[in-house]
Amino acid sequence: MNTATHVSYGSWRNPQTRSVDFDQLDVWVDLVKLLERGTFDSVFFADVVGVYDDYRGGWDTYVREGLQIPNHDPSAIISALALSTEHLGLVITSSILQDHPFSFARKISTLDHASRGRIGWNVVTSALKNSARNFGLPEREEHDARYEWAEEYAEVVYKLWEGSWDDGALIRDRERGVHADPERVHEINHVGPRYSVQGPHLSFPSPQRTPVLFQAGTSTAGRSFAARHAEGVFINAASPRGARLVIDDTRDRAVAAGRRRDDVKFLQGMAFVVGSTEAEAKRRAAELDEFLSVDGLIAHRSGGIGIDFGGLDHDTPIGDLAADVQGTRSTIESLIAAAPPGTNPTIADLIRQQQESTRIVGTPEQIADELEQWQDAGVDGVNIRYITTPGSFEDFIDHVVPELRTRGLAQSEYAPGTLRDKLFGAGPELPQRHPARRWRGAFRSSAARPPADRAGVSGVDAP
C-alpha cells in the first residue's frame, strides 16, 4: 500500500525499513526492479479511500499509528513503475465507490497500453464507513448490497472494454486518411440502477482489453462474486485447512457459473522471517517484534470488521459478534473456519492469528516445506506481506526463491506476453466462458446505436 503502515503494525519505526518514505517515487521504482530480479509475478497495491474510525470511538489511533493514513493513490505511480520494468505485473486496487466506471475503464485501458498488457485490477467494495461518507453517501451500504453494486459496475466496464470497439476498428491508414472505422466503434447505452453510460469507450482495446481481475473478499457474497468474475483471489486463511474450505467452495461456485475450476487462482497472504538456522530466524523474528504495535493490530482488525474492539474484553467469542458485521466479514469467517470443530475463537485468537498463523519463521528449507502444505491445500501462490521494505523481499528473493526454484515451486524466468499470458498461458484476453466476453460483438447491430428518442433505452442483451 502507498502508505507507511499497511499490515506491518508499528514497523515503520524500524530503522531498517523504507516504508516511511512511501511518498518518494524512487522507493517504489527500486522495489519493482528488485521484484523483477526475483521473477515475482506482480506487485499488488492495496488501497482504501477513507480512514478507519471504529476503534475507541474514532480515528485517533489510526492517525497516531500511521495506519493507512496518510495514504496516496497507487494508480498515480503505475506508469513510472511500468517504465521501470519489463515483465512484472502491476495490480492496483480500485473501489467501485471511488471512480465512475466510465473514467475508471479509460484509466485502466491507458495503463494497460502503457505497460504493454501488465495491468491487474483488484475489485473492492469499500467496507469503511468513512469511505462512503467521503463520496456523498450518508452511510455505508449493507454488506451484500455492495456486491450487487459491484455487479453493475463490472457490467459497465466490461461493456466498454469488451464491446465498444470491435477488433480491427483502429486502422491508422495514412493514405486513405482513415484512423478508425466508425462502423466498428459502438455506444454501449447502459442504463441501470446506478449508472447511465452512453459510450463509446474513449480508448481503443488495450493488449488485454480487460485487465486481469482480482478480488479479496472471501465472505459468502465475496466468494460468489469471485466465482463469477475473478481470475485471482487474495485470501488470508488462518491455516491450510481454512484455505481449502474457501478454495473448494469458490471453485465449486465458479463451475456452477459456467467457468472452470482452474480459471481462478488463489493467493495466500504470508509474511516470512528467514534465517540460515531456525535459531537465527527466531532471533530475527523477536527483533522485528520489538517494533510491533498491538494497539495498531487490534485497531486495524476492529476497523476492517466494523466492530469497535476497543471496549471489548479480549476473551469475547468472535462467533457472538459475527451477525453484526457489515465490514470485512471474511476476516471472522476465516478465523471460525480455521478453528477446531465445536470451538468459538475469541478476539485474542484473532490477534494471535494475525501475527502468527500467516507468518513463517525458519530456514529457506523450512519455509519451502510449509509452503508445500499450503500448495497441497489448493493455494496457487503467496501474496508476500513485508515487515520491512525492501528487507523482507530481499531476504525472500536471495534465500527462499532459490530453494523454491530447486523444488519447481517458483519460476526462474518470465514467460512472454501479457500478465494474463504469464499467469494462465492461454492468450492475452479473457476466455470465452468469462461473463465479460458476452459483450464482445453485442453492440454491432443497429439496435445498439439507438436514435436520439431512444437514448434512455439500455443496450442490447448479450447474445
Protein backbone atom coordinates (compact mmCIF):
# COMPACT_ATOMS: atom_id res chain seq x y z
CA MET A 1 0.00 0.00 0.00
CA ASN A 2 1.23 3.50 -0.79
CA THR A 3 1.45 4.34 2.90
CA ALA A 4 3.81 3.93 5.85
CA THR A 5 1.92 1.12 7.59
CA HIS A 6 -0.31 -1.39 5.83
CA VAL A 7 -0.36 -4.59 7.91
CA SER A 8 3.10 -4.45 9.47
CA TYR A 9 1.86 -2.68 12.57
CA GLY A 10 4.43 -0.35 14.08
CA SER A 11 7.23 -1.49 11.77
CA TRP A 12 7.60 2.00 10.29
CA ARG A 13 9.60 2.75 13.47
CA ASN A 14 12.20 0.16 12.48
CA PRO A 15 15.29 1.96 11.07
CA GLN A 16 15.71 -0.92 8.59
CA THR A 17 12.58 -0.05 6.57
CA ARG A 18 12.00 2.48 3.82
CA SER A 19 8.22 2.39 4.27
CA VAL A 20 8.26 5.84 5.89
CA ASP A 21 9.41 7.21 2.52
CA PHE A 22 6.34 5.92 0.71
CA ASP A 23 5.81 9.35 -0.83
CA GLN A 24 9.10 9.11 -2.75
CA LEU A 25 8.85 7.57 -6.20
CA ASP A 26 12.37 6.13 -6.17
CA VAL A 27 11.38 3.85 -3.25
CA TRP A 28 8.80 2.15 -5.46
CA VAL A 29 10.97 2.11 -8.56
CA ASP A 30 13.75 0.39 -6.60
CA LEU A 31 11.24 -2.11 -5.21
CA VAL A 32 9.74 -3.17 -8.55
CA LYS A 33 13.21 -3.62 -10.03
CA LEU A 34 14.05 -5.88 -7.08
CA LEU A 35 10.84 -7.89 -7.52
CA GLU A 36 11.54 -8.36 -11.21
CA ARG A 37 15.03 -9.60 -10.36
CA GLY A 38 13.28 -12.20 -8.18
CA THR A 39 10.88 -13.10 -11.06
CA PHE A 40 7.82 -12.19 -8.99
CA ASP A 41 4.60 -12.40 -10.97
CA SER A 42 3.35 -8.99 -9.90
CA VAL A 43 3.37 -6.22 -7.36
CA PHE A 44 -0.02 -5.69 -5.74
CA PHE A 45 -1.12 -2.38 -4.27
CA ALA A 46 -3.90 -2.48 -1.71
CA ASP A 47 -5.79 0.77 -1.14
CA VAL A 48 -8.50 2.46 0.91
CA VAL A 49 -10.44 5.64 0.20
CA GLY A 50 -11.31 6.53 3.77
CA VAL A 51 -9.94 6.38 7.26
CA TYR A 52 -10.73 3.65 9.76
CA ASP A 53 -12.83 5.16 12.54
CA ASP A 54 -14.08 2.16 14.50
CA TYR A 55 -11.61 1.96 17.36
CA ARG A 56 -12.23 3.59 20.72
CA GLY A 57 -14.91 5.67 19.08
CA GLY A 58 -12.85 7.35 16.39
CA TRP A 59 -9.78 7.52 14.17
CA ASP A 60 -7.16 8.98 16.52
CA THR A 61 -5.33 5.65 16.92
CA TYR A 62 -5.00 5.20 13.16
CA VAL A 63 -3.50 8.65 12.67
CA ARG A 64 -1.16 8.26 15.62
CA GLU A 65 -0.02 4.82 14.41
CA GLY A 66 0.35 5.87 10.77
CA LEU A 67 -2.03 3.03 9.99
CA GLN A 68 -3.04 3.51 6.33
CA ILE A 69 -3.07 7.28 6.77
CA PRO A 70 -1.57 9.27 5.12
CA ASN A 71 -2.26 7.13 2.11
CA HIS A 72 -1.55 8.01 -1.51
CA ASP A 73 -3.16 6.85 -4.76
CA PRO A 74 -1.25 3.88 -6.22
CA SER A 75 -2.71 4.33 -9.71
CA ALA A 76 -0.84 7.63 -9.99
CA ILE A 77 2.59 5.95 -9.89
CA ILE A 78 1.91 2.88 -12.03
CA SER A 79 3.11 4.44 -15.29
CA ALA A 80 6.53 5.10 -13.75
CA LEU A 81 6.69 1.54 -12.45
CA ALA A 82 5.70 0.20 -15.87
CA LEU A 83 8.52 2.16 -17.48
CA SER A 84 10.97 0.80 -14.89
CA THR A 85 10.12 -2.86 -15.53
CA GLU A 86 9.57 -5.18 -18.47
CA HIS A 87 7.74 -8.25 -17.16
CA LEU A 88 6.36 -7.53 -13.68
CA GLY A 89 2.57 -7.43 -13.39
CA LEU A 90 1.14 -4.24 -11.88
CA VAL A 91 -2.04 -4.82 -9.88
CA ILE A 92 -3.92 -1.94 -8.29
CA THR A 93 -6.94 -1.78 -6.05
CA SER A 94 -9.79 0.49 -7.06
CA SER A 95 -13.14 0.61 -5.31
CA ILE A 96 -16.48 0.80 -7.04
CA LEU A 97 -17.03 3.77 -4.76
CA GLN A 98 -14.13 5.97 -5.79
CA ASP A 99 -14.30 6.24 -9.56
CA HIS A 100 -17.13 6.32 -12.07
CA PRO A 101 -16.92 3.21 -14.26
CA PHE A 102 -16.51 5.25 -17.46
CA SER A 103 -13.46 7.17 -16.22
CA PHE A 104 -12.07 4.10 -14.49
CA ALA A 105 -12.31 2.00 -17.66
CA ARG A 106 -10.43 4.69 -19.56
CA LYS A 107 -7.70 4.88 -16.88
CA ILE A 108 -7.17 1.11 -16.86
CA SER A 109 -7.04 0.87 -20.65
CA THR A 110 -4.47 3.67 -20.70
CA LEU A 111 -2.32 1.89 -18.12
CA ASP A 112 -2.63 -1.43 -19.92
CA HIS A 113 -1.42 0.21 -23.12
CA ALA A 114 1.43 1.96 -21.29
CA SER A 115 2.57 -1.28 -19.63
CA ARG A 116 2.06 -3.42 -22.75
CA GLY A 117 -0.56 -5.54 -21.07
CA ARG A 118 0.61 -5.95 -17.48
CA ILE A 119 -2.27 -4.41 -15.52
CA GLY A 120 -4.49 -6.13 -12.98
CA TRP A 121 -7.47 -4.74 -11.08
CA ASN A 122 -8.36 -5.77 -7.54
CA VAL A 123 -12.12 -5.15 -7.26
CA VAL A 124 -13.21 -3.92 -3.83
CA THR A 125 -16.49 -2.64 -2.46
CA SER A 126 -15.15 -0.39 0.36
CA ALA A 127 -16.14 -1.57 3.81
CA LEU A 128 -15.21 1.62 5.68
CA LYS A 129 -17.98 3.94 6.82
CA ASN A 130 -15.78 6.96 6.27
CA SER A 131 -15.22 5.91 2.64
CA ALA A 132 -18.95 6.06 1.95
CA ARG A 133 -19.26 9.48 3.56
CA ASN A 134 -16.31 10.77 1.54
CA PHE A 135 -18.23 10.04 -1.65
CA GLY A 136 -21.54 11.55 -0.71
CA LEU A 137 -23.33 8.61 0.89
CA PRO A 138 -24.83 9.16 4.33
CA GLU A 139 -23.86 5.66 5.46
CA ARG A 140 -22.03 2.58 4.25
CA GLU A 141 -24.30 0.26 2.31
CA GLU A 142 -25.13 -3.15 3.73
CA HIS A 143 -22.54 -5.85 3.03
CA ASP A 144 -24.31 -7.89 0.35
CA ALA A 145 -25.80 -4.78 -1.29
CA ARG A 146 -22.26 -3.59 -2.01
CA TYR A 147 -21.68 -6.71 -4.08
CA GLU A 148 -24.88 -6.06 -6.02
CA TRP A 149 -23.45 -2.63 -6.78
CA ALA A 150 -20.19 -4.28 -7.88
CA GLU A 151 -22.10 -6.47 -10.34
CA GLU A 152 -23.43 -3.45 -12.22
CA TYR A 153 -20.08 -1.67 -12.05
CA ALA A 154 -18.41 -4.71 -13.60
CA GLU A 155 -21.04 -4.89 -16.31
CA VAL A 156 -20.42 -1.28 -17.34
CA VAL A 157 -16.64 -1.61 -17.58
CA TYR A 158 -16.97 -4.95 -19.37
CA LYS A 159 -19.21 -3.35 -21.97
CA LEU A 160 -16.64 -0.60 -22.51
CA TRP A 161 -13.58 -2.84 -22.57
CA GLU A 162 -15.03 -5.77 -24.49
CA GLY A 163 -17.91 -4.45 -26.57
CA SER A 164 -17.42 -0.82 -27.50
CA TRP A 165 -14.61 -1.39 -30.02
CA ASP A 166 -14.50 -4.31 -32.44
CA ASP A 167 -11.22 -5.97 -33.32
CA GLY A 168 -9.59 -4.12 -36.19
CA ALA A 169 -11.52 -0.90 -35.62
CA LEU A 170 -8.29 1.08 -35.34
CA ILE A 171 -6.93 1.25 -38.90
CA ARG A 172 -4.37 4.11 -38.98
CA ASP A 173 -4.45 4.25 -42.76
CA ARG A 174 -2.47 7.38 -43.67
CA GLU A 175 -3.07 7.06 -47.41
CA ARG A 176 -6.86 6.91 -47.16
CA GLY A 177 -6.98 9.27 -44.19
CA VAL A 178 -8.93 6.76 -42.06
CA HIS A 179 -7.74 6.47 -38.49
CA ALA A 180 -10.55 4.26 -37.18
CA ASP A 181 -13.66 2.68 -38.70
CA PRO A 182 -16.76 4.31 -37.16
CA GLU A 183 -18.83 1.25 -38.07
CA ARG A 184 -16.75 -0.79 -35.66
CA VAL A 185 -16.89 1.65 -32.73
CA HIS A 186 -20.10 1.47 -30.71
CA GLU A 187 -22.07 3.14 -27.98
CA ILE A 188 -22.99 0.85 -25.11
CA ASN A 189 -26.10 2.74 -23.90
CA HIS A 190 -26.05 1.18 -20.47
CA VAL A 191 -28.92 2.17 -18.19
CA GLY A 192 -29.07 0.51 -14.79
CA PRO A 193 -29.96 1.14 -11.15
CA ARG A 194 -26.84 3.25 -10.56
CA TYR A 195 -25.27 4.15 -13.88
CA SER A 196 -26.25 5.56 -17.23
CA VAL A 197 -23.38 5.40 -19.71
CA GLN A 198 -23.73 6.07 -23.43
CA GLY A 199 -20.18 5.44 -24.65
CA PRO A 200 -18.26 4.77 -26.76
CA HIS A 201 -15.15 3.86 -24.81
CA LEU A 202 -12.51 6.54 -25.43
CA SER A 203 -9.62 4.08 -25.55
CA PHE A 204 -9.16 1.53 -28.28
CA PRO A 205 -8.69 -2.04 -26.96
CA SER A 206 -5.56 -2.49 -24.87
CA PRO A 207 -3.38 -5.63 -25.08
CA GLN A 208 -5.57 -7.46 -22.55
CA ARG A 209 -8.79 -5.50 -23.23
CA THR A 210 -9.95 -6.33 -19.69
CA PRO A 211 -7.23 -6.28 -17.02
CA VAL A 212 -6.51 -9.41 -15.03
CA LEU A 213 -9.27 -9.43 -12.42
CA PHE A 214 -8.54 -9.93 -8.73
CA GLN A 215 -10.80 -9.96 -5.71
CA ALA A 216 -10.08 -10.10 -1.99
CA GLY A 217 -13.38 -10.73 -0.24
CA THR A 218 -13.94 -14.32 0.86
CA SER A 219 -17.26 -13.88 2.63
CA THR A 220 -20.18 -15.82 1.14
CA ALA A 221 -21.13 -12.88 -1.07
CA GLY A 222 -17.47 -12.25 -1.90
CA ARG A 223 -16.94 -15.86 -2.95
CA SER A 224 -19.98 -15.73 -5.22
CA PHE A 225 -18.67 -12.57 -6.84
CA ALA A 226 -15.19 -14.07 -7.21
CA ALA A 227 -16.62 -17.24 -8.74
CA ARG A 228 -18.32 -15.21 -11.47
CA HIS A 229 -15.59 -12.67 -12.15
CA ALA A 230 -12.18 -13.14 -10.51
CA GLU A 231 -9.08 -14.68 -12.04
CA GLY A 232 -7.10 -14.27 -8.83
CA VAL A 233 -8.38 -14.25 -5.24
CA PHE A 234 -6.38 -12.90 -2.31
CA ILE A 235 -7.07 -14.93 0.81
CA ASN A 236 -5.83 -14.69 4.39
CA ALA A 237 -6.75 -18.10 5.75
CA ALA A 238 -5.54 -18.95 9.26
CA SER A 239 -4.47 -22.46 8.21
CA PRO A 240 -4.20 -24.70 5.15
CA ARG A 241 -7.43 -26.35 6.30
CA GLY A 242 -9.21 -22.99 6.31
CA ALA A 243 -7.76 -22.17 2.90
CA ARG A 244 -9.01 -25.48 1.49
CA LEU A 245 -12.58 -24.73 2.58
CA VAL A 246 -12.62 -21.31 0.90
CA ILE A 247 -10.87 -22.52 -2.25
CA ASP A 248 -13.05 -25.59 -2.79
CA ASP A 249 -16.24 -23.62 -2.21
CA THR A 250 -15.23 -20.81 -4.57
CA ARG A 251 -14.15 -23.20 -7.29
CA ASP A 252 -17.43 -25.12 -6.97
CA ARG A 253 -19.27 -21.83 -7.43
CA ALA A 254 -17.11 -20.99 -10.45
CA VAL A 255 -18.09 -24.27 -12.13
CA ALA A 256 -21.74 -23.55 -11.36
CA ALA A 257 -21.28 -20.17 -13.05
CA GLY A 258 -20.04 -21.83 -16.24
CA ARG A 259 -16.32 -21.44 -15.66
CA ARG A 260 -13.56 -23.97 -14.95
CA ARG A 261 -12.01 -24.70 -11.59
CA ASP A 262 -8.58 -23.62 -12.77
CA ASP A 263 -9.89 -20.30 -14.08
CA VAL A 264 -9.36 -18.91 -10.56
CA LYS A 265 -6.01 -18.78 -8.78
CA PHE A 266 -5.74 -18.31 -5.00
CA LEU A 267 -3.00 -16.24 -3.37
CA GLN A 268 -2.48 -16.60 0.36
CA GLY A 269 -1.22 -13.58 2.32
CA MET A 270 2.00 -14.55 4.11
CA ALA A 271 4.92 -12.92 5.90
CA PHE A 272 8.35 -14.54 6.19
CA VAL A 273 11.33 -14.24 8.50
CA VAL A 274 14.34 -16.06 7.09
CA GLY A 275 17.45 -17.31 8.86
CA SER A 276 20.35 -19.60 7.99
CA THR A 277 19.28 -21.66 11.03
CA GLU A 278 15.98 -21.94 12.84
CA ALA A 279 17.52 -20.25 15.88
CA GLU A 280 18.68 -17.31 13.80
CA ALA A 281 15.24 -16.95 12.21
CA LYS A 282 13.54 -16.91 15.61
CA ARG A 283 16.03 -14.35 16.89
CA ARG A 284 15.36 -12.12 13.88
CA ALA A 285 11.59 -12.51 14.38
CA ALA A 286 11.94 -11.43 18.02
CA GLU A 287 13.92 -8.38 16.95
CA LEU A 288 11.26 -7.43 14.42
CA ASP A 289 8.52 -7.94 17.01
CA GLU A 290 10.09 -5.30 19.24
CA PHE A 291 8.50 -2.77 16.91
CA LEU A 292 5.09 -4.46 16.81
CA SER A 293 2.18 -2.26 17.85
CA VAL A 294 -0.50 -4.47 19.39
CA ASP A 295 -2.78 -1.44 19.60
CA GLY A 296 -2.35 -0.87 15.87
CA LEU A 297 -3.03 -4.53 15.14
CA ILE A 298 -6.27 -4.58 17.13
CA ALA A 299 -7.32 -1.22 15.71
CA HIS A 300 -6.87 -2.45 12.15
CA ARG A 301 -8.89 -5.60 12.77
CA SER A 302 -11.53 -3.52 14.51
CA GLY A 303 -11.80 -1.03 11.68
CA GLY A 304 -11.90 -3.64 8.94
CA ILE A 305 -14.54 -5.78 10.61
CA GLY A 306 -16.61 -2.78 11.67
CA ILE A 307 -16.86 -3.59 15.38
CA ASP A 308 -15.10 -1.44 17.97
CA PHE A 309 -12.85 -3.87 19.83
CA GLY A 310 -11.53 -1.03 21.97
CA GLY A 311 -14.20 -1.55 24.59
CA LEU A 312 -14.44 -5.35 24.47
CA ASP A 313 -12.72 -7.98 26.58
CA HIS A 314 -10.19 -9.95 24.52
CA ASP A 315 -11.86 -13.19 25.64
CA THR A 316 -15.09 -12.23 23.84
CA PRO A 317 -16.07 -15.03 21.41
CA ILE A 318 -15.84 -13.90 17.81
CA GLY A 319 -18.82 -16.02 16.85
CA ASP A 320 -21.03 -13.92 19.11
CA LEU A 321 -20.17 -10.85 17.03
CA ALA A 322 -20.44 -12.30 13.53
CA ALA A 323 -24.10 -11.44 12.99
CA ASP A 324 -23.39 -7.74 13.49
CA VAL A 325 -20.58 -7.47 10.96
CA GLN A 326 -21.16 -5.17 7.99
CA GLY A 327 -17.48 -4.57 7.29
CA THR A 328 -14.98 -7.20 6.15
CA ARG A 329 -16.99 -10.25 7.12
CA SER A 330 -14.48 -12.69 5.61
CA THR A 331 -11.98 -11.97 8.40
CA ILE A 332 -14.24 -13.51 11.02
CA GLU A 333 -15.47 -16.30 8.74
CA SER A 334 -11.86 -17.26 8.00
CA LEU A 335 -10.96 -17.45 11.69
CA ILE A 336 -14.01 -19.57 12.52
CA ALA A 337 -13.29 -21.91 9.57
CA ALA A 338 -9.73 -22.49 10.80
CA ALA A 339 -10.74 -23.19 14.41
CA PRO A 340 -11.15 -26.77 15.68
CA PRO A 341 -14.72 -28.04 15.27
CA GLY A 342 -17.01 -27.07 18.13
CA THR A 343 -14.84 -24.18 19.34
CA ASN A 344 -15.63 -20.46 19.33
CA PRO A 345 -12.44 -18.41 18.83
CA THR A 346 -12.04 -15.12 20.68
CA ILE A 347 -10.73 -11.65 19.92
CA ALA A 348 -7.41 -12.78 21.43
CA ASP A 349 -7.36 -15.68 18.95
CA LEU A 350 -7.92 -13.18 16.15
CA ILE A 351 -4.90 -11.20 17.31
CA ARG A 352 -2.73 -14.32 17.50
CA GLN A 353 -3.91 -15.45 14.08
CA GLN A 354 -2.97 -12.14 12.52
CA GLN A 355 0.51 -12.27 13.97
CA GLU A 356 1.34 -15.97 13.92
CA SER A 357 -0.70 -18.14 11.59
CA THR A 358 0.24 -16.35 8.38
CA ARG A 359 3.90 -15.75 9.23
CA ILE A 360 6.51 -18.44 8.61
CA VAL A 361 9.75 -18.19 10.59
CA GLY A 362 12.59 -20.54 9.64
CA THR A 363 15.27 -21.57 7.21
CA PRO A 364 14.64 -21.49 3.45
CA GLU A 365 14.08 -25.25 3.55
CA GLN A 366 11.57 -24.99 6.41
CA ILE A 367 9.72 -22.19 4.66
CA ALA A 368 9.53 -24.20 1.45
CA ASP A 369 8.24 -27.21 3.40
CA GLU A 370 5.39 -25.16 4.85
CA LEU A 371 4.57 -23.56 1.52
CA GLU A 372 4.18 -27.03 0.05
CA GLN A 373 1.50 -27.71 2.68
CA TRP A 374 -0.37 -24.60 1.56
CA GLN A 375 0.02 -25.71 -2.04
CA ASP A 376 -1.46 -29.10 -1.13
CA ALA A 377 -4.48 -27.20 0.22
CA GLY A 378 -5.05 -25.65 -3.21
CA VAL A 379 -3.15 -22.39 -2.83
CA ASP A 380 -1.54 -21.30 -6.12
CA GLY A 381 0.80 -18.63 -4.78
CA VAL A 382 1.62 -16.26 -1.96
CA ASN A 383 0.98 -12.55 -1.56
CA ILE A 384 4.06 -11.56 0.44
CA ARG A 385 3.34 -9.08 3.22
CA TYR A 386 6.53 -7.24 4.04
CA ILE A 387 7.58 -6.45 7.58
CA THR A 388 10.38 -4.17 6.43
CA THR A 389 10.92 -2.97 2.88
CA PRO A 390 12.90 -3.82 0.91
CA GLY A 391 14.46 -6.15 3.50
CA SER A 392 11.61 -8.66 3.65
CA PHE A 393 11.67 -9.00 -0.14
CA GLU A 394 15.47 -9.15 -0.38
CA ASP A 395 15.61 -11.98 2.17
CA PHE A 396 12.94 -13.93 0.32
CA ILE A 397 14.49 -13.41 -3.10
CA ASP A 398 18.07 -14.12 -2.08
CA HIS A 399 17.42 -17.12 0.17
CA VAL A 400 13.95 -18.64 -0.30
CA VAL A 401 13.41 -18.24 -4.04
CA PRO A 402 16.47 -20.42 -4.94
CA GLU A 403 15.06 -23.22 -2.76
CA LEU A 404 11.62 -22.85 -4.34
CA ARG A 405 13.15 -22.97 -7.81
CA THR A 406 15.01 -26.14 -6.91
CA ARG A 407 11.68 -27.73 -5.96
CA GLY A 408 9.90 -26.42 -9.06
CA LEU A 409 7.74 -24.09 -6.97
CA ALA A 410 8.94 -20.77 -8.45
CA GLN A 411 9.76 -19.62 -11.95
CA SER A 412 13.33 -18.81 -12.94
CA GLU A 413 12.36 -16.74 -15.97
CA TYR A 414 9.30 -14.98 -17.31
CA ALA A 415 7.02 -16.36 -19.98
CA PRO A 416 6.44 -13.96 -22.89
CA GLY A 417 3.34 -11.84 -23.28
CA THR A 418 0.87 -10.01 -21.07
CA LEU A 419 0.20 -10.60 -17.39
CA ARG A 420 -2.69 -12.90 -18.31
CA ASP A 421 -0.41 -14.81 -20.69
CA LYS A 422 2.13 -15.24 -17.92
CA LEU A 423 -0.40 -16.41 -15.33
CA PHE A 424 -2.55 -18.68 -17.49
CA GLY A 425 -0.65 -19.28 -20.74
CA ALA A 426 -3.79 -19.11 -22.85
CA GLY A 427 -3.59 -15.76 -24.60
CA PRO A 428 -3.86 -12.11 -23.59
CA GLU A 429 -7.65 -11.86 -23.39
CA LEU A 430 -10.31 -13.34 -21.17
CA PRO A 431 -11.58 -16.78 -22.19
CA GLN A 432 -14.94 -17.05 -23.90
CA ARG A 433 -16.54 -18.54 -20.77
CA HIS A 434 -15.90 -15.41 -18.68
CA PRO A 435 -19.06 -13.24 -18.35
CA ALA A 436 -17.26 -10.17 -19.73
CA ARG A 437 -16.89 -11.86 -23.10
CA ARG A 438 -20.64 -11.91 -23.71
CA TRP A 439 -20.34 -8.22 -24.62
CA ARG A 440 -17.90 -8.83 -27.48
CA GLY A 441 -19.86 -8.01 -30.62
CA ALA A 442 -23.04 -7.27 -28.67
CA PHE A 443 -23.32 -3.70 -29.93
CA ARG A 444 -22.80 -4.23 -33.65
CA SER A 445 -26.47 -4.25 -34.61
CA SER A 446 -28.48 -1.13 -35.33
CA ALA A 447 -30.37 -1.70 -32.10
CA ALA A 448 -27.17 -0.92 -30.23
CA ARG A 449 -26.99 2.59 -31.77
CA PRO A 450 -30.46 3.98 -30.97
CA PRO A 451 -31.79 7.25 -32.38
CA ALA A 452 -31.98 10.27 -30.09
CA ASP A 453 -35.50 9.49 -28.90
CA ARG A 454 -34.28 6.08 -27.65
CA ALA A 455 -31.22 7.38 -25.80
CA GLY A 456 -32.64 6.24 -22.49
CA VAL A 457 -33.05 2.63 -23.56
CA SER A 458 -30.47 0.12 -22.34
CA GLY A 459 -28.14 -1.56 -24.84
CA VAL A 460 -28.97 -4.86 -26.49
CA ASP A 461 -28.96 -8.03 -24.50
CA ALA A 462 -25.87 -10.15 -24.75
CA PRO A 463 -26.01 -12.87 -27.40
